[in-house]
Amino acid sequence: MADRKPLSQRFMKATGKLRMFFGPADQGGLEGPVKYAYGAAHQQRQQELQQWDVVRNVDGSTYLVKREDGDK
């Protein structure tokens, strides 16, 4: 039992073996444009957010206030 390697070394060895099969974790480039998926869930979220107003204080803090019906 005294010859057992630390957990961190065993973990790194295991992830190294997994990397042989699955490849490195960094697959995407940072230079390309950001792609957004605008689906039904995104549209629903945007509609839900329309009921709130953002109030900014002088000190830079912000909070949400529910809009009144006539403010649309």
C-alpha atoms as a PDB file:
ATOM      1  CA  MET A   1       0.000   0.000   0.000  1.00  0.00           C
ATOM      2  CA  ALA A   2       2.926   2.347   0.521  1.00  0.00           C
ATOM      3  CA  ASP A   3       3.751   2.175  -3.222  1.00  0.00           C
ATOM      4  CA  ARG A   4       0.382   3.616  -4.234  1.00  0.00           C
ATOM      5  CA  LYS A   5       0.563   6.893  -6.175  1.00  0.00           C
ATOM      6  CA  PRO A   6      -1.382   9.987  -5.074  1.00  0.00           C
ATOM      7  CA  LEU A   7      -4.950  10.417  -6.282  1.00  0.00           C
ATOM      8  CA  SER A   8      -4.020  13.386  -8.469  1.00  0.00           C
ATOM      9  CA  GLN A   9      -1.462  11.326 -10.414  1.00  0.00           C
ATOM     10  CA  ARG A  10      -3.883   8.433 -10.846  1.00  0.00           C
ATOM     11  CA  PHE A  11      -6.583  10.838 -12.063  1.00  0.00           C
ATOM     12  CA  MET A  12      -4.228  12.433 -14.605  1.00  0.00           C
ATOM     13  CA  LYS A  13      -3.205   9.003 -15.881  1.00  0.00           C
ATOM     14  CA  ALA A  14      -6.859   7.980 -16.312  1.00  0.00           C
ATOM     15  CA  THR A  15      -7.774  11.203 -18.124  1.00  0.00           C
ATOM     16  CA  GLY A  16      -4.717  10.774 -20.328  1.00  0.00           C
ATOM     17  CA  LYS A  17      -5.998   7.375 -21.403  1.00  0.00           C
ATOM     18  CA  LEU A  18      -9.466   8.795 -22.092  1.00  0.00           C
ATOM     19  CA  ARG A  19      -7.868  11.549 -24.158  1.00  0.00           C
ATOM     20  CA  MET A  20      -6.394   8.931 -26.478  1.00  0.00           C
ATOM     21  CA  PHE A  21      -9.922   7.810 -27.381  1.00  0.00           C
ATOM     22  CA  PHE A  22     -11.911  11.054 -27.264  1.00  0.00           C
ATOM     23  CA  GLY A  23      -9.259  13.581 -28.254  1.00  0.00           C
ATOM     24  CA  PRO A  24      -8.363  16.829 -26.510  1.00  0.00           C
ATOM     25  CA  ALA A  25     -11.066  18.903 -24.843  1.00  0.00           C
ATOM     26  CA  ASP A  26     -10.160  22.089 -26.714  1.00  0.00           C
ATOM     27  CA  GLN A  27     -11.758  21.615 -30.121  1.00  0.00           C
ATOM     28  CA  GLY A  28     -13.006  25.062 -31.111  1.00  0.00           C
ATOM     29  CA  GLY A  29     -11.157  28.151 -32.182  1.00  0.00           C
ATOM     30  CA  LEU A  30     -11.499  31.505 -30.475  1.00  0.00           C
ATOM     31  CA  GLU A  31     -11.106  33.535 -33.666  1.00  0.00           C
ATOM     32  CA  GLY A  32     -14.420  32.612 -35.304  1.00  0.00           C
ATOM     33  CA  PRO A  33     -17.744  34.341 -34.751  1.00  0.00           C
ATOM     34  CA  VAL A  34     -19.987  33.362 -31.863  1.00  0.00           C
ATOM     35  CA  LYS A  35     -22.996  31.362 -32.988  1.00  0.00           C
ATOM     36  CA  TYR A  36     -26.295  31.803 -31.172  1.00  0.00           C
ATOM     37  CA  ALA A  37     -29.226  29.423 -31.440  1.00  0.00           C
ATOM     38  CA  TYR A  38     -32.446  31.432 -31.589  1.00  0.00           C
ATOM     39  CA  GLY A  39     -35.168  28.893 -31.078  1.00  0.00           C
ATOM     40  CA  ALA A  40     -38.577  28.742 -29.496  1.00  0.00           C
ATOM     41  CA  ALA A  41     -37.119  28.686 -25.988  1.00  0.00           C
ATOM     42  CA  HIS A  42     -35.127  31.851 -26.693  1.00  0.00           C
ATOM     43  CA  GLN A  43     -38.205  33.643 -28.038  1.00  0.00           C
ATOM     44  CA  GLN A  44     -40.238  32.608 -25.001  1.00  0.00           C
ATOM     45  CA  ARG A  45     -37.507  33.901 -22.676  1.00  0.00           C
ATOM     46  CA  GLN A  46     -37.408  37.231 -24.523  1.00  0.00           C
ATOM     47  CA  GLN A  47     -41.178  37.609 -24.133  1.00  0.00           C
ATOM     48  CA  GLU A  48     -40.898  36.882 -20.407  1.00  0.00           C
ATOM     49  CA  LEU A  49     -38.178  39.506 -20.033  1.00  0.00           C
ATOM     50  CA  GLN A  50     -40.375  42.184 -21.622  1.00  0.00           C
ATOM     51  CA  GLN A  51     -42.349  42.475 -18.377  1.00  0.00           C
ATOM     52  CA  TRP A  52     -39.337  43.871 -16.470  1.00  0.00           C
ATOM     53  CA  ASP A  53     -37.537  47.229 -16.426  1.00  0.00           C
ATOM     54  CA  VAL A  54     -33.909  47.561 -15.376  1.00  0.00           C
ATOM     55  CA  VAL A  55     -33.260  50.294 -12.806  1.00  0.00           C
ATOM     56  CA  ARG A  56     -29.668  51.497 -12.441  1.00  0.00           C
ATOM     57  CA  ASN A  57     -28.530  53.284  -9.296  1.00  0.00           C
ATOM     58  CA  VAL A  58     -25.823  55.953  -9.173  1.00  0.00           C
ATOM     59  CA  ASP A  59     -23.432  53.511  -7.485  1.00  0.00           C
ATOM     60  CA  GLY A  60     -23.711  51.135 -10.467  1.00  0.00           C
ATOM     61  CA  SER A  61     -25.992  48.519  -8.932  1.00  0.00           C
ATOM     62  CA  THR A  62     -28.986  47.339 -10.921  1.00  0.00           C
ATOM     63  CA  TYR A  63     -32.271  45.657 -10.121  1.00  0.00           C
ATOM     64  CA  LEU A  64     -35.476  44.688 -11.919  1.00  0.00           C
ATOM     65  CA  VAL A  65     -38.873  46.287 -11.473  1.00  0.00           C
ATOM     66  CA  LYS A  66     -42.045  44.793 -12.885  1.00  0.00           C
ATOM     67  CA  ARG A  67     -43.578  46.992 -15.579  1.00  0.00           C
ATOM     68  CA  GLU A  68     -47.052  48.347 -15.189  1.00  0.00           C
ATOM     69  CA  ASP A  69     -49.586  47.470 -17.918  1.00  0.00           C
ATOM     70  CA  GLY A  70     -49.542  50.971 -19.429  1.00  0.00           C
ATOM     71  CA  ASP A  71     -45.720  51.078 -19.839  1.00  0.00           C
ATOM     72  CA  LYS A  72     -45.527  48.863 -22.898  1.00  0.00           C
END
